[in-house]
Amino acid sequence: MKSKVFENKTVLVSGGTGYIGSAICREFYEQGATLYFTYHKNSEKADELIAQMPDAKALHLDLRDTASINTTIEKLYKEGVSIDILVNNAAMSQVMPLPMLDEEDVDMILDINIKSVIFLTKAVMRLRGQVTTTTN
């Protein structure tokens, strides 16, 4: 039997319900990882992924909320979960003419695309000490 590359590794993928995120989740799962993924609004897609990957765990998380990030990661560690690999995949954009962008739009983009990467990585590293991470 062929060995699976990520067997005995725990992976957390942010933004796991998006097009790229769900593909990343499937690949890690197929390669033997213990998989956790975050989602914010798309609970239907999270349920679909869990149906396809029954051992995976979906975490409802608003990545704009650093307190929620810390609480979620701390809860995982208290449950004995130790994250080996973090994939900072969550991202968003607002496709519209520049004059139509307002401060709220820009704040949301920065919160998801930059701040969540920093604070999710920080939360995992604080409890793990080290982690392999990649960012979309």
C-alpha atoms as a PDB file:
ATOM      1  CA  MET A   1       0.000   0.000   0.000  1.00  0.00           C
ATOM      2  CA  LYS A   2       1.286   3.437  -0.949  1.00  0.00           C
ATOM      3  CA  SER A   3       2.126   5.705   1.984  1.00  0.00           C
ATOM      4  CA  LYS A   4       0.228   8.964   2.319  1.00  0.00           C
ATOM      5  CA  VAL A   5       2.403  12.074   2.478  1.00  0.00           C
ATOM      6  CA  PHE A   6       0.494  13.839   5.269  1.00  0.00           C
ATOM      7  CA  GLU A   7      -0.399  10.875   7.432  1.00  0.00           C
ATOM      8  CA  ASN A   8       0.022  11.780  11.128  1.00  0.00           C
ATOM      9  CA  LYS A   9      -0.089  15.503  10.277  1.00  0.00           C
ATOM     10  CA  THR A  10      -2.836  17.888  11.313  1.00  0.00           C
ATOM     11  CA  VAL A  11      -3.680  20.603   8.810  1.00  0.00           C
ATOM     12  CA  LEU A  12      -5.769  23.741   9.248  1.00  0.00           C
ATOM     13  CA  VAL A  13      -6.971  25.458   6.057  1.00  0.00           C
ATOM     14  CA  SER A  14      -8.569  28.901   6.365  1.00  0.00           C
ATOM     15  CA  GLY A  15     -11.242  29.644   3.782  1.00  0.00           C
ATOM     16  CA  GLY A  16     -11.807  25.946   3.153  1.00  0.00           C
ATOM     17  CA  THR A  17     -15.153  26.329   1.416  1.00  0.00           C
ATOM     18  CA  GLY A  18     -13.983  28.448  -1.503  1.00  0.00           C
ATOM     19  CA  TYR A  19     -13.010  27.034  -4.889  1.00  0.00           C
ATOM     20  CA  ILE A  20      -9.279  26.908  -4.132  1.00  0.00           C
ATOM     21  CA  GLY A  21      -9.760  26.159  -0.441  1.00  0.00           C
ATOM     22  CA  SER A  22     -11.958  23.123  -1.058  1.00  0.00           C
ATOM     23  CA  ALA A  23      -9.414  21.737  -3.552  1.00  0.00           C
ATOM     24  CA  ILE A  24      -6.637  22.236  -0.990  1.00  0.00           C
ATOM     25  CA  CYS A  25      -8.757  20.487   1.650  1.00  0.00           C
ATOM     26  CA  ARG A  26      -9.482  17.527  -0.615  1.00  0.00           C
ATOM     27  CA  GLU A  27      -5.814  17.076  -1.491  1.00  0.00           C
ATOM     28  CA  PHE A  28      -4.624  17.134   2.124  1.00  0.00           C
ATOM     29  CA  TYR A  29      -7.443  14.777   3.120  1.00  0.00           C
ATOM     30  CA  GLU A  30      -6.625  12.351   0.304  1.00  0.00           C
ATOM     31  CA  GLN A  31      -2.977  12.409   1.391  1.00  0.00           C
ATOM     32  CA  GLY A  32      -3.909  11.255   4.894  1.00  0.00           C
ATOM     33  CA  ALA A  33      -3.965  14.518   6.882  1.00  0.00           C
ATOM     34  CA  THR A  34      -6.213  15.101   9.852  1.00  0.00           C
ATOM     35  CA  LEU A  35      -8.065  18.049   8.368  1.00  0.00           C
ATOM     36  CA  TYR A  36      -9.651  21.127   9.911  1.00  0.00           C
ATOM     37  CA  PHE A  37     -10.957  23.965   7.767  1.00  0.00           C
ATOM     38  CA  THR A  38     -12.608  27.295   8.459  1.00  0.00           C
ATOM     39  CA  TYR A  39     -15.646  28.811   6.853  1.00  0.00           C
ATOM     40  CA  HIS A  40     -17.569  31.979   7.584  1.00  0.00           C
ATOM     41  CA  LYS A  41     -20.807  32.240   5.632  1.00  0.00           C
ATOM     42  CA  ASN A  42     -20.994  29.158   3.441  1.00  0.00           C
ATOM     43  CA  SER A  43     -22.268  26.498   5.855  1.00  0.00           C
ATOM     44  CA  GLU A  44     -23.895  24.608   2.978  1.00  0.00           C
ATOM     45  CA  LYS A  45     -20.518  24.150   1.278  1.00  0.00           C
ATOM     46  CA  ALA A  46     -18.942  23.187   4.635  1.00  0.00           C
ATOM     47  CA  ASP A  47     -21.598  20.478   5.018  1.00  0.00           C
ATOM     48  CA  GLU A  48     -20.884  19.244   1.462  1.00  0.00           C
ATOM     49  CA  LEU A  49     -17.179  18.992   2.228  1.00  0.00           C
ATOM     50  CA  ILE A  50     -17.824  17.092   5.451  1.00  0.00           C
ATOM     51  CA  ALA A  51     -20.052  14.671   3.493  1.00  0.00           C
ATOM     52  CA  GLN A  52     -17.145  14.088   1.064  1.00  0.00           C
ATOM     53  CA  MET A  53     -14.513  13.909   3.828  1.00  0.00           C
ATOM     54  CA  PRO A  54     -16.288  12.482   6.887  1.00  0.00           C
ATOM     55  CA  ASP A  55     -13.283  12.685   9.221  1.00  0.00           C
ATOM     56  CA  ALA A  56     -12.643  16.379   8.469  1.00  0.00           C
ATOM     57  CA  LYS A  57     -13.791  19.082  10.881  1.00  0.00           C
ATOM     58  CA  ALA A  58     -15.381  22.393   9.856  1.00  0.00           C
ATOM     59  CA  LEU A  59     -14.779  25.415  12.075  1.00  0.00           C
ATOM     60  CA  HIS A  60     -17.176  28.354  11.792  1.00  0.00           C
ATOM     61  CA  LEU A  61     -14.897  31.378  12.199  1.00  0.00           C
ATOM     62  CA  ASP A  62     -14.996  35.075  11.373  1.00  0.00           C
ATOM     63  CA  LEU A  63     -11.361  35.784  10.500  1.00  0.00           C
ATOM     64  CA  ARG A  64     -11.902  39.511  11.069  1.00  0.00           C
ATOM     65  CA  ASP A  65     -12.352  38.828  14.786  1.00  0.00           C
ATOM     66  CA  THR A  66      -8.963  38.219  16.445  1.00  0.00           C
ATOM     67  CA  ALA A  67     -10.570  37.229  19.768  1.00  0.00           C
ATOM     68  CA  SER A  68     -12.570  34.550  17.945  1.00  0.00           C
ATOM     69  CA  ILE A  69      -9.420  33.320  16.207  1.00  0.00           C
ATOM     70  CA  ASN A  70      -7.614  32.991  19.547  1.00  0.00           C
ATOM     71  CA  THR A  71     -10.568  31.292  21.246  1.00  0.00           C
ATOM     72  CA  THR A  72     -11.000  28.786  18.410  1.00  0.00           C
ATOM     73  CA  ILE A  73      -7.315  27.831  18.291  1.00  0.00           C
ATOM     74  CA  GLU A  74      -7.065  27.612  22.087  1.00  0.00           C
ATOM     75  CA  LYS A  75     -10.124  25.336  22.142  1.00  0.00           C
ATOM     76  CA  LEU A  76      -8.510  23.025  19.589  1.00  0.00           C
ATOM     77  CA  TYR A  77      -5.347  22.759  21.652  1.00  0.00           C
ATOM     78  CA  LYS A  78      -7.326  22.105  24.851  1.00  0.00           C
ATOM     79  CA  GLU A  79      -9.001  19.245  22.973  1.00  0.00           C
ATOM     80  CA  GLY A  80      -5.547  17.810  22.200  1.00  0.00           C
ATOM     81  CA  VAL A  81      -5.302  19.026  18.599  1.00  0.00           C
ATOM     82  CA  SER A  82      -1.832  20.168  17.560  1.00  0.00           C
ATOM     83  CA  ILE A  83      -1.671  21.896  14.168  1.00  0.00           C
ATOM     84  CA  ASP A  84       1.362  20.936  12.078  1.00  0.00           C
ATOM     85  CA  ILE A  85       0.502  22.776   8.878  1.00  0.00           C
ATOM     86  CA  LEU A  86      -1.462  26.011   8.491  1.00  0.00           C
ATOM     87  CA  VAL A  87      -2.705  27.054   5.066  1.00  0.00           C
ATOM     88  CA  ASN A  88      -3.758  30.710   5.130  1.00  0.00           C
ATOM     89  CA  ASN A  89      -6.024  30.438   2.124  1.00  0.00           C
ATOM     90  CA  ALA A  90      -8.902  32.765   3.036  1.00  0.00           C
ATOM     91  CA  ALA A  91      -8.990  35.831   0.802  1.00  0.00           C
ATOM     92  CA  MET A  92     -11.482  38.262  -0.622  1.00  0.00           C
ATOM     93  CA  SER A  93     -11.707  41.116  -3.050  1.00  0.00           C
ATOM     94  CA  GLN A  94     -14.176  43.763  -4.023  1.00  0.00           C
ATOM     95  CA  VAL A  95     -14.350  43.982  -7.790  1.00  0.00           C
ATOM     96  CA  MET A  96     -15.630  47.460  -8.523  1.00  0.00           C
ATOM     97  CA  PRO A  97     -14.335  50.741  -9.930  1.00  0.00           C
ATOM     98  CA  LEU A  98     -11.948  52.458  -7.518  1.00  0.00           C
ATOM     99  CA  PRO A  99     -14.196  55.519  -7.008  1.00  0.00           C
ATOM    100  CA  MET A 100     -16.891  53.186  -5.654  1.00  0.00           C
ATOM    101  CA  LEU A 101     -14.662  51.624  -2.964  1.00  0.00           C
ATOM    102  CA  ASP A 102     -15.237  53.004   0.480  1.00  0.00           C
ATOM    103  CA  GLU A 103     -13.229  52.654   3.684  1.00  0.00           C
ATOM    104  CA  GLU A 104     -15.362  49.747   4.910  1.00  0.00           C
ATOM    105  CA  ASP A 105     -14.593  47.760   1.725  1.00  0.00           C
ATOM    106  CA  VAL A 106     -10.864  48.378   2.077  1.00  0.00           C
ATOM    107  CA  ASP A 107     -10.914  47.499   5.791  1.00  0.00           C
ATOM    108  CA  MET A 108     -12.624  44.194   5.076  1.00  0.00           C
ATOM    109  CA  ILE A 109     -10.098  43.307   2.358  1.00  0.00           C
ATOM    110  CA  LEU A 110      -7.169  44.161   4.645  1.00  0.00           C
ATOM    111  CA  ASP A 111      -8.729  42.319   7.588  1.00  0.00           C
ATOM    112  CA  ILE A 112      -9.156  39.084   5.637  1.00  0.00           C
ATOM    113  CA  ASN A 113      -6.170  39.181   3.277  1.00  0.00           C
ATOM    114  CA  ILE A 114      -3.522  40.513   5.659  1.00  0.00           C
ATOM    115  CA  LYS A 115      -4.566  40.739   9.295  1.00  0.00           C
ATOM    116  CA  SER A 116      -6.138  37.279   9.467  1.00  0.00           C
ATOM    117  CA  VAL A 117      -2.929  35.733   8.116  1.00  0.00           C
ATOM    118  CA  ILE A 118      -0.911  37.434  10.847  1.00  0.00           C
ATOM    119  CA  PHE A 119      -3.285  36.701  13.721  1.00  0.00           C
ATOM    120  CA  LEU A 120      -4.187  33.133  12.747  1.00  0.00           C
ATOM    121  CA  THR A 121      -0.509  32.277  12.309  1.00  0.00           C
ATOM    122  CA  LYS A 122       0.316  33.998  15.597  1.00  0.00           C
ATOM    123  CA  ALA A 123      -2.421  32.059  17.456  1.00  0.00           C
ATOM    124  CA  VAL A 124      -1.185  28.735  16.099  1.00  0.00           C
ATOM    125  CA  MET A 125       2.477  29.541  16.769  1.00  0.00           C
ATOM    126  CA  ARG A 126       1.769  30.762  20.294  1.00  0.00           C
ATOM    127  CA  LEU A 127       0.444  27.330  21.222  1.00  0.00           C
ATOM    128  CA  ARG A 128       2.518  25.190  18.863  1.00  0.00           C
ATOM    129  CA  GLY A 129       5.861  27.016  18.900  1.00  0.00           C
ATOM    130  CA  GLN A 130       6.429  26.343  15.244  1.00  0.00           C
ATOM    131  CA  VAL A 131       4.242  25.651  12.258  1.00  0.00           C
ATOM    132  CA  THR A 132       4.642  25.220   8.530  1.00  0.00           C
ATOM    133  CA  THR A 133       2.488  27.842   6.839  1.00  0.00           C
ATOM    134  CA  THR A 134       1.622  28.883   3.330  1.00  0.00           C
ATOM    135  CA  THR A 135      -0.475  31.798   2.159  1.00  0.00           C
ATOM    136  CA  ASN A 136      -2.664  32.143  -0.909  1.00  0.00           C
END
